N, C-alpha and C. Protein backbone atom coordinates (compact mmCIF):
# COMPACT_ATOMS: atom_id res chain seq x y z
N MET A 1 -55.53 3.63 24.78
CA MET A 1 -53.91 3.39 24.35
C MET A 1 -54.47 2.89 22.44
N LYS A 2 -53.54 3.10 21.47
CA LYS A 2 -53.99 3.39 20.28
C LYS A 2 -53.82 2.00 19.92
N LYS A 3 -54.78 0.94 19.42
CA LYS A 3 -54.30 -0.17 18.64
C LYS A 3 -53.70 -0.41 17.07
N THR A 4 -52.27 -1.09 17.02
CA THR A 4 -52.06 -1.57 15.88
C THR A 4 -52.00 -2.69 15.45
N LEU A 5 -52.50 -2.17 13.74
CA LEU A 5 -53.15 -3.48 13.39
C LEU A 5 -51.57 -4.12 12.78
N ARG A 6 -51.68 -5.33 12.79
CA ARG A 6 -50.55 -5.98 12.14
C ARG A 6 -50.74 -6.43 10.80
N GLN A 7 -49.81 -6.12 9.93
CA GLN A 7 -49.62 -6.91 8.43
C GLN A 7 -49.27 -8.11 7.96
N ARG A 8 -49.86 -9.01 7.57
CA ARG A 8 -49.92 -10.14 7.57
C ARG A 8 -48.69 -10.07 6.23
N PRO A 9 -48.22 -11.29 6.92
CA PRO A 9 -46.99 -10.89 5.86
C PRO A 9 -46.99 -12.04 4.88
N ALA A 10 -46.21 -11.38 3.47
CA ALA A 10 -46.71 -12.23 2.27
C ALA A 10 -46.14 -13.95 2.22
N VAL A 11 -47.37 -14.48 1.56
CA VAL A 11 -46.50 -15.38 1.40
C VAL A 11 -46.04 -16.09 0.35
N PRO A 12 -44.36 -16.63 0.20
CA PRO A 12 -43.84 -16.56 -1.22
C PRO A 12 -44.24 -17.25 -2.13
N GLY A 13 -44.34 -17.06 -3.41
CA GLY A 13 -45.10 -17.64 -4.30
C GLY A 13 -46.41 -17.27 -4.43
N ALA A 14 -47.01 -16.31 -3.61
CA ALA A 14 -48.45 -16.29 -3.92
C ALA A 14 -48.77 -15.20 -4.59
N ALA A 15 -49.56 -15.36 -5.71
CA ALA A 15 -50.22 -14.11 -6.54
C ALA A 15 -50.71 -13.11 -5.91
N VAL A 16 -50.26 -11.68 -5.98
CA VAL A 16 -50.85 -10.81 -5.54
C VAL A 16 -51.67 -10.12 -6.61
N PRO A 17 -53.05 -10.07 -6.15
CA PRO A 17 -54.35 -9.24 -6.99
C PRO A 17 -53.81 -8.16 -7.61
N ASP A 18 -54.14 -7.60 -8.86
CA ASP A 18 -54.06 -6.57 -9.24
C ASP A 18 -54.72 -5.89 -10.15
N ALA A 19 -55.92 -5.37 -9.94
CA ALA A 19 -57.14 -5.52 -10.77
C ALA A 19 -56.65 -4.37 -12.02
N GLY A 20 -55.70 -3.94 -12.02
CA GLY A 20 -55.42 -3.35 -13.54
C GLY A 20 -54.98 -4.43 -14.39
N ARG A 21 -54.07 -5.28 -13.49
CA ARG A 21 -53.55 -6.38 -14.57
C ARG A 21 -54.35 -7.00 -14.85
N ARG A 22 -55.71 -7.68 -14.01
CA ARG A 22 -56.62 -8.15 -14.73
C ARG A 22 -57.05 -7.65 -16.01
N ARG A 23 -57.70 -6.45 -15.95
CA ARG A 23 -58.48 -5.73 -16.78
C ARG A 23 -57.55 -6.24 -18.15
N SER A 24 -56.23 -5.67 -18.06
CA SER A 24 -55.38 -5.91 -19.14
C SER A 24 -55.07 -7.36 -20.15
N LEU A 25 -55.40 -8.14 -18.83
CA LEU A 25 -55.80 -9.53 -19.14
C LEU A 25 -56.73 -9.71 -20.04
N GLY A 26 -57.93 -8.93 -19.28
CA GLY A 26 -59.25 -9.55 -20.10
C GLY A 26 -58.99 -8.52 -21.65
N GLY A 27 -58.76 -7.97 -21.62
CA GLY A 27 -58.25 -6.80 -22.85
C GLY A 27 -58.11 -7.77 -23.75
N ILE A 28 -56.99 -7.95 -23.59
CA ILE A 28 -56.14 -8.98 -24.56
C ILE A 28 -56.95 -10.14 -25.18
N ALA A 29 -57.60 -11.26 -23.91
CA ALA A 29 -58.46 -12.41 -24.35
C ALA A 29 -59.46 -12.00 -25.42
N ALA A 30 -60.21 -10.89 -25.06
CA ALA A 30 -61.40 -10.24 -25.97
C ALA A 30 -60.63 -10.32 -27.04
N LEU A 31 -59.50 -9.53 -28.01
CA LEU A 31 -58.71 -9.33 -28.58
C LEU A 31 -58.54 -10.56 -29.48
N ALA A 32 -57.97 -11.17 -28.88
CA ALA A 32 -57.58 -12.85 -29.48
C ALA A 32 -59.01 -13.56 -29.86
N ALA A 33 -59.78 -13.26 -28.91
CA ALA A 33 -61.22 -13.92 -29.70
C ALA A 33 -61.34 -13.60 -30.54
N ALA A 34 -61.60 -12.13 -30.70
CA ALA A 34 -61.98 -11.31 -31.94
C ALA A 34 -61.15 -11.76 -33.50
N SER A 35 -59.86 -11.61 -33.26
CA SER A 35 -59.08 -12.17 -34.22
C SER A 35 -59.49 -13.42 -34.75
N LEU A 36 -59.12 -14.35 -33.88
CA LEU A 36 -59.90 -15.75 -34.20
C LEU A 36 -61.34 -15.80 -35.55
N CYS A 37 -62.15 -15.43 -34.57
CA CYS A 37 -63.51 -14.90 -35.08
C CYS A 37 -63.12 -14.56 -36.39
N ALA A 38 -62.00 -13.54 -36.81
CA ALA A 38 -62.18 -12.92 -38.27
C ALA A 38 -61.37 -13.51 -39.00
N SER A 39 -60.65 -14.56 -38.34
CA SER A 39 -59.43 -15.47 -39.46
C SER A 39 -60.17 -16.47 -39.59
N ALA A 40 -60.46 -17.53 -38.87
CA ALA A 40 -60.58 -18.62 -39.13
C ALA A 40 -62.12 -19.07 -38.94
N LEU A 41 -63.14 -18.12 -38.35
CA LEU A 41 -63.84 -18.21 -39.03
C LEU A 41 -65.34 -17.46 -39.10
N PRO A 42 -65.65 -17.17 -41.07
CA PRO A 42 -66.42 -16.24 -41.07
C PRO A 42 -67.40 -15.74 -41.31
N GLY A 43 -68.27 -16.99 -40.62
CA GLY A 43 -69.27 -16.74 -40.21
C GLY A 43 -69.35 -15.57 -39.06
N CYS A 44 -68.38 -15.39 -38.38
CA CYS A 44 -68.66 -14.95 -37.14
C CYS A 44 -68.81 -12.82 -38.01
N ALA A 45 -68.43 -12.87 -38.87
CA ALA A 45 -68.55 -11.30 -39.18
C ALA A 45 -69.90 -11.04 -39.65
N SER A 46 -70.48 -12.28 -40.21
CA SER A 46 -71.97 -12.03 -41.00
C SER A 46 -72.64 -12.12 -39.79
N PHE A 47 -72.81 -12.51 -37.96
CA PHE A 47 -73.32 -12.85 -37.03
C PHE A 47 -73.26 -11.13 -36.40
N TYR A 48 -72.24 -10.61 -36.36
CA TYR A 48 -71.92 -9.24 -35.99
C TYR A 48 -72.30 -8.42 -36.82
N TYR A 49 -72.09 -8.01 -38.10
CA TYR A 49 -72.76 -6.99 -38.96
C TYR A 49 -73.84 -7.92 -39.76
N GLY A 50 -74.18 -8.57 -39.78
CA GLY A 50 -75.53 -9.04 -41.00
C GLY A 50 -74.72 -9.17 -42.04
N SER A 51 -76.13 -8.24 -43.17
CA SER A 51 -76.13 -8.41 -44.36
C SER A 51 -74.72 -7.47 -44.72
N ALA A 52 -74.63 -6.43 -43.63
CA ALA A 52 -73.02 -5.60 -44.04
C ALA A 52 -71.95 -6.23 -44.47
N ALA A 53 -71.64 -7.84 -43.85
CA ALA A 53 -70.34 -8.22 -43.73
C ALA A 53 -70.24 -8.70 -45.15
N GLY A 54 -71.01 -9.10 -46.09
CA GLY A 54 -70.85 -8.92 -47.50
C GLY A 54 -69.59 -10.45 -47.96
N ALA A 55 -69.26 -10.27 -49.47
CA ALA A 55 -68.10 -11.68 -49.74
C ALA A 55 -66.78 -10.78 -49.79
N ALA A 56 -65.86 -11.29 -49.90
CA ALA A 56 -64.41 -10.96 -50.56
C ALA A 56 -64.40 -10.81 -51.48
N PRO A 57 -63.84 -9.56 -52.10
CA PRO A 57 -63.96 -8.47 -53.03
C PRO A 57 -63.25 -9.99 -54.04
N VAL A 58 -63.85 -9.69 -55.57
CA VAL A 58 -63.68 -10.70 -56.38
C VAL A 58 -62.59 -10.13 -57.16
N ASP A 59 -61.33 -10.74 -57.98
CA ASP A 59 -60.64 -10.37 -58.92
C ASP A 59 -61.74 -10.93 -60.02
N LEU A 60 -62.27 -10.24 -60.69
CA LEU A 60 -62.99 -10.50 -61.77
C LEU A 60 -61.87 -10.71 -63.38
N VAL A 61 -60.72 -9.86 -63.68
CA VAL A 61 -60.12 -10.20 -64.53
C VAL A 61 -59.39 -11.35 -64.22
N GLU A 62 -58.91 -12.31 -63.42
CA GLU A 62 -58.33 -13.30 -62.92
C GLU A 62 -59.20 -14.66 -63.44
N ALA A 63 -60.34 -14.23 -62.80
CA ALA A 63 -60.86 -15.38 -63.26
C ALA A 63 -61.52 -15.89 -64.42
N ASP A 64 -61.73 -14.84 -65.08
CA ASP A 64 -61.74 -14.80 -66.90
C ASP A 64 -60.84 -15.11 -67.30
N TYR A 65 -59.68 -14.78 -67.30
CA TYR A 65 -58.74 -14.97 -67.85
C TYR A 65 -58.21 -16.72 -67.37
N ALA A 66 -58.65 -17.26 -66.32
CA ALA A 66 -58.36 -18.53 -65.80
C ALA A 66 -59.17 -19.47 -66.74
N ALA A 67 -60.31 -18.90 -67.19
CA ALA A 67 -61.71 -19.54 -67.82
C ALA A 67 -61.08 -19.56 -68.80
N VAL A 68 -60.67 -18.84 -69.34
CA VAL A 68 -60.08 -19.18 -70.97
C VAL A 68 -58.38 -19.78 -71.07
N ASP A 69 -57.90 -19.41 -70.04
CA ASP A 69 -56.48 -20.87 -70.19
C ASP A 69 -57.09 -21.98 -69.77
N VAL A 70 -57.96 -22.54 -69.27
CA VAL A 70 -58.57 -23.71 -69.33
C VAL A 70 -59.25 -24.34 -70.53
N LEU A 71 -59.99 -23.56 -70.79
CA LEU A 71 -61.03 -24.12 -72.67
C LEU A 71 -59.84 -24.34 -73.87
N LEU A 72 -58.69 -23.49 -73.33
CA LEU A 72 -57.66 -23.54 -74.49
C LEU A 72 -56.68 -24.62 -74.01
N LEU A 73 -56.96 -25.04 -72.98
CA LEU A 73 -55.70 -26.57 -72.91
C LEU A 73 -57.22 -27.56 -72.92
N GLN A 74 -58.44 -27.73 -72.75
CA GLN A 74 -59.30 -28.43 -73.32
C GLN A 74 -59.46 -28.94 -74.77
N SER A 75 -59.10 -27.92 -75.51
CA SER A 75 -59.91 -27.70 -76.72
C SER A 75 -58.75 -28.37 -77.60
N PRO A 76 -58.99 -28.91 -79.19
CA PRO A 76 -57.86 -29.05 -79.79
C PRO A 76 -57.50 -27.82 -80.00
N PRO A 77 -56.18 -28.05 -81.04
CA PRO A 77 -55.25 -26.54 -81.40
C PRO A 77 -55.99 -25.69 -82.25
N LEU A 78 -56.13 -24.56 -81.92
CA LEU A 78 -56.64 -23.36 -82.52
C LEU A 78 -55.66 -22.59 -83.73
N ASN A 79 -56.18 -22.65 -84.64
CA ASN A 79 -55.52 -21.64 -86.02
C ASN A 79 -55.45 -20.17 -85.71
N PRO A 80 -54.34 -20.07 -85.57
CA PRO A 80 -54.11 -18.18 -85.20
C PRO A 80 -54.48 -17.49 -86.73
N ALA A 81 -54.72 -18.24 -87.40
CA ALA A 81 -55.52 -17.59 -88.91
C ALA A 81 -56.57 -17.17 -88.98
N LEU A 82 -57.31 -17.93 -88.43
CA LEU A 82 -58.91 -18.01 -88.67
C LEU A 82 -59.19 -17.38 -87.04
N PRO A 83 -60.57 -16.81 -87.29
CA PRO A 83 -61.07 -16.14 -85.95
C PRO A 83 -62.11 -16.76 -85.17
N VAL A 84 -61.82 -16.42 -84.20
CA VAL A 84 -62.63 -16.85 -83.18
C VAL A 84 -63.61 -15.92 -82.46
N MET A 85 -64.82 -16.43 -82.65
CA MET A 85 -65.91 -15.12 -82.20
C MET A 85 -66.46 -15.66 -81.04
N VAL A 86 -66.82 -14.62 -80.25
CA VAL A 86 -66.68 -14.39 -78.60
C VAL A 86 -68.16 -13.54 -78.94
N ALA A 87 -69.30 -14.38 -77.81
CA ALA A 87 -70.73 -13.94 -78.33
C ALA A 87 -70.89 -13.43 -76.41
N THR A 88 -71.81 -12.53 -76.45
CA THR A 88 -71.59 -11.81 -74.91
C THR A 88 -72.62 -13.22 -74.39
N ILE A 89 -72.21 -12.72 -72.80
CA ILE A 89 -72.64 -14.06 -71.79
C ILE A 89 -73.84 -13.35 -71.85
N VAL A 90 -75.21 -14.49 -71.58
CA VAL A 90 -76.65 -14.07 -71.07
C VAL A 90 -76.91 -14.76 -69.94
N GLN A 91 -78.11 -14.23 -69.89
CA GLN A 91 -78.89 -14.66 -68.72
C GLN A 91 -79.45 -16.66 -69.23
N ILE A 92 -79.24 -17.20 -68.23
CA ILE A 92 -79.44 -18.77 -68.49
C ILE A 92 -81.00 -18.92 -68.74
N ASP A 93 -81.93 -17.81 -68.20
CA ASP A 93 -83.33 -18.18 -68.36
C ASP A 93 -83.91 -17.47 -69.20
N ARG A 94 -83.34 -16.04 -69.78
CA ARG A 94 -83.60 -15.13 -70.23
C ARG A 94 -82.30 -14.93 -71.65
N LEU A 95 -82.32 -15.58 -72.67
CA LEU A 95 -81.31 -15.62 -73.72
C LEU A 95 -80.82 -14.60 -74.90
N SER A 96 -82.25 -13.66 -74.62
CA SER A 96 -81.95 -12.27 -75.32
C SER A 96 -81.55 -11.62 -74.61
N GLU A 97 -81.18 -11.60 -73.15
CA GLU A 97 -80.85 -10.43 -72.18
C GLU A 97 -79.62 -11.01 -71.40
N SER A 98 -78.93 -9.40 -71.17
CA SER A 98 -77.61 -9.51 -70.87
C SER A 98 -77.24 -8.77 -69.41
N SER A 99 -76.09 -8.35 -68.98
CA SER A 99 -76.37 -7.08 -68.35
C SER A 99 -74.86 -6.69 -68.61
N ARG A 100 -74.72 -5.39 -67.59
CA ARG A 100 -73.33 -5.50 -67.82
C ARG A 100 -72.14 -5.90 -67.15
N LEU A 101 -72.47 -7.19 -66.33
CA LEU A 101 -71.74 -8.05 -65.97
C LEU A 101 -71.39 -9.07 -67.00
N GLY A 102 -72.55 -9.68 -68.00
CA GLY A 102 -72.26 -10.47 -68.70
C GLY A 102 -71.08 -9.76 -69.81
N ARG A 103 -71.69 -8.23 -70.22
CA ARG A 103 -71.10 -7.72 -71.57
C ARG A 103 -69.19 -7.53 -70.85
N LEU A 104 -69.14 -7.20 -69.47
CA LEU A 104 -67.61 -7.34 -69.35
C LEU A 104 -67.13 -8.28 -69.37
N VAL A 105 -67.41 -9.69 -68.98
CA VAL A 105 -67.05 -10.92 -68.83
C VAL A 105 -66.52 -10.64 -70.13
N SER A 106 -68.03 -10.79 -70.95
CA SER A 106 -67.19 -11.30 -72.74
C SER A 106 -66.43 -10.36 -73.37
N GLU A 107 -66.01 -9.06 -72.87
CA GLU A 107 -64.77 -8.66 -73.11
C GLU A 107 -63.50 -8.56 -72.69
N GLN A 108 -63.69 -9.56 -71.23
CA GLN A 108 -62.30 -9.74 -70.43
C GLN A 108 -61.91 -11.10 -71.85
N LEU A 109 -63.10 -12.24 -71.78
CA LEU A 109 -62.86 -13.37 -72.71
C LEU A 109 -62.13 -13.07 -73.57
N ALA A 110 -62.69 -12.51 -74.37
CA ALA A 110 -62.07 -11.83 -75.97
C ALA A 110 -60.54 -11.06 -75.90
N GLY A 111 -60.72 -10.47 -74.90
CA GLY A 111 -59.37 -9.46 -74.24
C GLY A 111 -58.33 -10.67 -74.35
N ARG A 112 -58.42 -12.32 -73.45
CA ARG A 112 -57.76 -12.91 -73.03
C ARG A 112 -57.10 -13.78 -74.21
N LEU A 113 -58.10 -14.44 -75.25
CA LEU A 113 -58.10 -15.13 -76.19
C LEU A 113 -56.93 -14.16 -77.16
N VAL A 114 -57.65 -13.12 -77.14
CA VAL A 114 -56.07 -12.02 -77.93
C VAL A 114 -55.03 -12.20 -77.39
N GLN A 115 -54.79 -12.14 -76.08
CA GLN A 115 -53.59 -12.48 -75.24
C GLN A 115 -52.45 -13.56 -75.97
N ARG A 116 -53.61 -14.58 -76.18
CA ARG A 116 -52.80 -16.02 -76.31
C ARG A 116 -52.84 -16.35 -77.82
N GLY A 117 -52.67 -15.09 -78.76
CA GLY A 117 -52.40 -15.27 -80.28
C GLY A 117 -53.83 -15.39 -81.15
N LEU A 118 -54.61 -15.56 -80.35
CA LEU A 118 -55.96 -15.97 -81.83
C LEU A 118 -56.71 -14.61 -81.98
N ARG A 119 -57.30 -14.56 -83.30
CA ARG A 119 -57.86 -13.34 -83.10
C ARG A 119 -59.67 -13.78 -83.73
N VAL A 120 -59.79 -12.80 -82.97
CA VAL A 120 -61.05 -12.63 -82.31
C VAL A 120 -61.89 -11.64 -82.84
N THR A 121 -62.91 -11.94 -82.70
CA THR A 121 -64.37 -11.33 -83.71
C THR A 121 -65.80 -11.50 -82.65
N GLU A 122 -66.15 -10.07 -82.41
CA GLU A 122 -67.50 -10.40 -81.40
C GLU A 122 -68.53 -10.37 -82.34
N LEU A 123 -68.88 -11.45 -81.83
CA LEU A 123 -70.54 -11.84 -82.30
C LEU A 123 -71.37 -10.97 -81.69
N LYS A 124 -71.62 -9.87 -81.79
CA LYS A 124 -72.94 -8.71 -81.39
C LYS A 124 -73.99 -8.90 -82.15
N LEU A 125 -74.78 -9.86 -81.49
CA LEU A 125 -76.20 -10.37 -82.30
C LEU A 125 -77.14 -10.24 -80.88
N ARG A 126 -78.40 -9.86 -81.12
CA ARG A 126 -79.69 -10.04 -79.83
C ARG A 126 -79.80 -11.38 -79.07
N GLU A 127 -79.67 -12.18 -80.19
CA GLU A 127 -80.00 -13.87 -79.89
C GLU A 127 -78.65 -14.76 -80.38
N THR A 128 -77.90 -14.90 -79.69
CA THR A 128 -77.16 -15.56 -80.20
C THR A 128 -76.99 -17.38 -79.70
N LEU A 129 -77.77 -17.50 -78.77
CA LEU A 129 -78.27 -18.76 -78.70
C LEU A 129 -80.12 -19.07 -78.29
N ALA A 130 -79.79 -21.00 -79.00
CA ALA A 130 -81.09 -21.08 -78.64
C ALA A 130 -81.02 -22.48 -78.47
N MET A 131 -82.82 -21.94 -77.61
CA MET A 131 -82.91 -23.82 -76.54
C MET A 131 -83.44 -24.99 -77.32
N ARG A 132 -82.83 -26.23 -77.90
CA ARG A 132 -83.56 -26.86 -78.62
C ARG A 132 -84.76 -27.60 -77.99
N ALA A 133 -85.93 -27.22 -79.10
CA ALA A 133 -87.49 -27.65 -78.12
C ALA A 133 -87.25 -29.43 -77.82
N GLY A 134 -87.33 -29.10 -76.30
CA GLY A 134 -87.74 -30.36 -75.85
C GLY A 134 -86.71 -31.34 -75.32
N GLN A 135 -85.74 -30.39 -75.32
CA GLN A 135 -84.16 -31.46 -75.05
C GLN A 135 -83.55 -30.53 -74.03
N GLY A 136 -83.76 -29.20 -73.67
CA GLY A 136 -82.97 -28.10 -72.81
C GLY A 136 -81.76 -27.58 -73.33
N GLN A 137 -81.33 -28.14 -74.54
CA GLN A 137 -79.99 -28.05 -75.30
C GLN A 137 -79.79 -26.51 -76.06
N LEU A 138 -79.31 -26.17 -75.57
CA LEU A 138 -78.33 -24.71 -75.77
C LEU A 138 -77.22 -24.71 -77.25
N LEU A 139 -77.91 -24.09 -78.17
CA LEU A 139 -77.18 -24.15 -79.61
C LEU A 139 -77.21 -23.03 -79.73
N LEU A 140 -76.22 -22.57 -80.71
CA LEU A 140 -76.05 -21.62 -81.68
C LEU A 140 -77.28 -21.05 -82.89
N SER A 141 -78.23 -20.10 -82.54
CA SER A 141 -78.92 -19.64 -82.98
C SER A 141 -79.03 -19.96 -84.91
N GLY A 142 -79.77 -19.83 -85.37
CA GLY A 142 -79.88 -20.17 -87.10
C GLY A 142 -79.34 -18.36 -87.23
N GLU A 143 -79.61 -17.40 -86.99
CA GLU A 143 -78.68 -15.80 -87.17
C GLU A 143 -77.32 -15.78 -86.79
N ALA A 144 -77.11 -16.85 -85.77
CA ALA A 144 -75.34 -16.92 -85.68
C ALA A 144 -74.69 -18.06 -86.23
N ARG A 145 -75.57 -18.64 -86.10
CA ARG A 145 -74.43 -19.59 -87.60
C ARG A 145 -74.42 -19.30 -88.80
N ASP A 146 -75.20 -18.28 -89.29
CA ASP A 146 -74.79 -17.32 -90.58
C ASP A 146 -73.85 -16.40 -90.72
N VAL A 147 -73.84 -15.74 -89.27
CA VAL A 147 -72.53 -14.84 -89.27
C VAL A 147 -71.41 -15.35 -89.05
N VAL A 148 -71.65 -16.32 -87.89
CA VAL A 148 -70.09 -17.21 -87.81
C VAL A 148 -69.53 -18.09 -89.31
N LYS A 149 -70.71 -18.16 -90.74
CA LYS A 149 -70.57 -19.19 -91.58
C LYS A 149 -69.73 -17.97 -92.16
N SER A 150 -70.36 -16.64 -92.56
CA SER A 150 -69.94 -15.64 -93.11
C SER A 150 -68.40 -15.32 -92.90
N GLN A 151 -67.75 -15.48 -91.17
CA GLN A 151 -66.75 -15.38 -91.33
C GLN A 151 -65.81 -15.81 -91.00
N ALA A 152 -66.09 -17.22 -91.69
CA ALA A 152 -65.24 -18.62 -91.71
C ALA A 152 -64.44 -18.46 -90.13
N ALA A 153 -64.99 -18.15 -89.10
CA ALA A 153 -64.54 -18.91 -87.71
C ALA A 153 -64.43 -20.20 -87.62
N GLN A 154 -63.50 -20.25 -86.60
CA GLN A 154 -63.52 -22.04 -86.46
C GLN A 154 -63.98 -22.11 -85.19
N ALA A 155 -64.17 -21.36 -84.66
CA ALA A 155 -65.41 -21.75 -83.37
C ALA A 155 -65.75 -19.98 -82.63
N VAL A 156 -66.76 -20.38 -81.65
CA VAL A 156 -67.61 -19.46 -81.11
C VAL A 156 -67.43 -19.69 -79.77
N LEU A 157 -67.09 -18.68 -78.83
CA LEU A 157 -66.90 -18.92 -77.45
C LEU A 157 -68.45 -17.78 -76.94
N VAL A 158 -69.28 -18.97 -76.09
CA VAL A 158 -70.60 -18.63 -75.77
C VAL A 158 -70.55 -19.07 -73.90
N GLY A 159 -71.69 -18.52 -73.79
CA GLY A 159 -72.08 -18.57 -72.05
C GLY A 159 -72.99 -18.16 -71.82
N THR A 160 -73.22 -18.49 -70.58
CA THR A 160 -74.73 -18.27 -69.84
C THR A 160 -73.86 -18.18 -68.07
N TYR A 161 -74.91 -17.14 -67.95
CA TYR A 161 -74.70 -16.94 -66.01
C TYR A 161 -76.08 -16.96 -65.50
N ALA A 162 -75.61 -17.79 -64.00
CA ALA A 162 -77.18 -17.49 -63.23
C ALA A 162 -76.73 -17.11 -62.46
N VAL A 163 -78.09 -16.36 -61.50
CA VAL A 163 -77.97 -15.74 -60.27
C VAL A 163 -78.31 -16.25 -59.40
N SER A 164 -77.61 -16.65 -57.65
CA SER A 164 -78.25 -16.85 -57.25
C SER A 164 -77.68 -15.63 -55.42
N PRO A 165 -78.39 -15.79 -54.65
CA PRO A 165 -78.23 -14.62 -53.78
C PRO A 165 -76.52 -14.54 -53.42
N ARG A 166 -75.90 -15.70 -53.51
CA ARG A 166 -74.42 -15.75 -52.88
C ARG A 166 -72.95 -15.73 -54.12
N ALA A 167 -73.88 -15.54 -55.03
CA ALA A 167 -73.01 -15.77 -56.03
C ALA A 167 -73.53 -16.34 -57.78
N VAL A 168 -72.59 -15.65 -58.76
CA VAL A 168 -73.15 -15.59 -60.19
C VAL A 168 -72.81 -16.76 -60.50
N PHE A 169 -72.82 -18.13 -61.19
CA PHE A 169 -72.52 -19.10 -62.04
C PHE A 169 -72.06 -18.99 -63.32
N ILE A 170 -71.19 -18.82 -64.02
CA ILE A 170 -70.96 -18.87 -65.08
C ILE A 170 -70.80 -20.00 -66.08
N SER A 171 -71.02 -20.33 -67.19
CA SER A 171 -71.17 -21.59 -67.95
C SER A 171 -70.72 -20.87 -69.16
N LEU A 172 -69.27 -21.50 -69.46
CA LEU A 172 -68.92 -21.54 -71.11
C LEU A 172 -68.48 -22.67 -71.77
N LYS A 173 -68.79 -22.46 -73.29
CA LYS A 173 -68.44 -23.20 -74.05
C LYS A 173 -67.95 -22.69 -75.24
N LEU A 174 -66.81 -23.22 -75.61
CA LEU A 174 -65.97 -23.50 -77.02
C LEU A 174 -66.92 -24.28 -78.11
N VAL A 175 -67.39 -23.73 -79.19
CA VAL A 175 -68.26 -24.54 -79.72
C VAL A 175 -67.69 -24.65 -81.52
N HIS A 176 -67.65 -25.66 -81.80
CA HIS A 176 -67.15 -25.69 -83.24
C HIS A 176 -68.55 -25.22 -84.42
N PRO A 177 -68.84 -24.27 -85.00
CA PRO A 177 -70.06 -23.87 -85.47
C PRO A 177 -70.44 -24.99 -86.35
N ALA A 178 -69.40 -26.03 -86.84
CA ALA A 178 -70.42 -27.02 -87.93
C ALA A 178 -71.09 -28.34 -87.03
N GLY A 179 -72.37 -28.39 -86.66
CA GLY A 179 -72.89 -28.99 -85.77
C GLY A 179 -72.93 -28.80 -84.39
N ASN A 180 -72.50 -27.56 -84.25
CA ASN A 180 -72.71 -27.16 -83.03
C ASN A 180 -71.79 -28.72 -81.68
N VAL A 181 -70.65 -28.76 -82.21
CA VAL A 181 -70.05 -29.86 -81.19
C VAL A 181 -69.15 -28.67 -80.82
N VAL A 182 -69.01 -29.35 -79.20
CA VAL A 182 -68.27 -28.45 -78.00
C VAL A 182 -67.13 -29.25 -77.75
N LEU A 183 -66.21 -28.00 -77.98
CA LEU A 183 -64.86 -28.52 -78.11
C LEU A 183 -64.39 -28.29 -76.39
N ALA A 184 -64.38 -27.48 -75.98
CA ALA A 184 -64.75 -27.46 -74.74
C ALA A 184 -65.63 -26.65 -73.41
N ALA A 185 -65.46 -27.14 -72.45
CA ALA A 185 -66.44 -26.06 -71.37
C ALA A 185 -65.82 -25.89 -69.91
N TYR A 186 -66.12 -24.80 -69.61
CA TYR A 186 -65.79 -24.78 -68.35
C TYR A 186 -66.54 -23.94 -67.47
N ASP A 187 -66.78 -24.15 -66.43
CA ASP A 187 -67.96 -23.84 -64.96
C ASP A 187 -66.98 -22.55 -63.86
N TYR A 188 -67.99 -21.60 -63.36
CA TYR A 188 -67.11 -21.24 -62.37
C TYR A 188 -67.95 -20.42 -61.43
N ALA A 189 -67.54 -19.97 -60.66
CA ALA A 189 -68.44 -18.85 -60.04
C ALA A 189 -67.85 -17.70 -59.39
N LEU A 190 -68.48 -16.66 -59.20
CA LEU A 190 -68.36 -15.53 -59.17
C LEU A 190 -69.14 -15.12 -57.44
N PRO A 191 -67.93 -14.98 -56.21
CA PRO A 191 -69.10 -14.60 -55.16
C PRO A 191 -69.65 -13.55 -55.06
N MET A 192 -71.00 -13.03 -54.66
CA MET A 192 -71.85 -12.02 -54.88
C MET A 192 -71.36 -10.83 -53.55
N ASP A 193 -70.01 -10.17 -54.14
CA ASP A 193 -69.40 -8.75 -53.42
C ASP A 193 -70.11 -7.75 -54.44
N ALA A 194 -70.18 -6.83 -53.33
CA ALA A 194 -70.84 -5.38 -54.10
C ALA A 194 -70.35 -5.22 -55.71
N THR A 195 -69.43 -5.60 -56.20
CA THR A 195 -68.77 -4.97 -57.63
C THR A 195 -69.42 -6.01 -58.22
N VAL A 196 -69.34 -7.25 -57.60
CA VAL A 196 -70.61 -8.16 -58.95
C VAL A 196 -72.25 -7.67 -58.94
N ARG A 197 -72.46 -7.60 -57.78
CA ARG A 197 -74.19 -6.65 -57.64
C ARG A 197 -74.42 -5.25 -58.55
N GLY A 198 -73.44 -4.62 -58.42
CA GLY A 198 -73.64 -3.31 -59.00
C GLY A 198 -73.70 -3.57 -60.59
N LEU A 199 -72.46 -4.32 -61.23
CA LEU A 199 -72.84 -5.31 -62.56
C LEU A 199 -73.83 -5.53 -62.70
N LEU A 200 -74.56 -6.24 -62.13
CA LEU A 200 -75.63 -6.80 -62.19
C LEU A 200 -76.91 -6.06 -62.42
N GLN A 201 -77.22 -5.26 -61.69
CA GLN A 201 -77.99 -4.28 -61.47
C GLN A 201 -77.64 -3.57 -62.68
N ALA A 202 -76.81 -3.11 -63.16
CA ALA A 202 -76.63 -2.15 -64.40
C ALA A 202 -77.15 -2.94 -66.07
N GLN A 203 -78.26 -2.14 -66.37
CA GLN A 203 -78.21 -2.96 -67.75
C GLN A 203 -77.66 -2.79 -68.73
């Protein structure tokens, strides 16, 4: 005699197991966690990808233009009829050396000054800045002061940069040639992304 198995009646409101549905929900949860990690926790990218994670891309032009705008806000009004000289941005520890990054920043600073209605002359000297002995203060070098005087420049834009593993720190000063009086100063940092790193490596 064949025994018939009796099916257990379903209980109203009880959840019915579904392996496919569980897998689907698990995938959604994993995607949500990954999305949260990427958007809210930038460190997650470094954890998973190490040095390949890198920094967010830098808008170098925007950063340099904003720096000039701040300097002009701080400075006394400049005469559009008189030139402003722009020196190449140099390394803080090697004042006679720069890089492609330093030269590019200088070009963009000069361009922004022109856009703001000022006459600009580039100060292309090997040594624009000099360190005052015993005080650690940066001044215009003697040669630079002579050139500035011959050009009747009303101000000189000078700057240095320092490199760290995660950023490049740029310090700018708008200097009056008489007595090295600082008219305005501004500091900003560029995150060390692939573009900045490449510009630093190119001499």
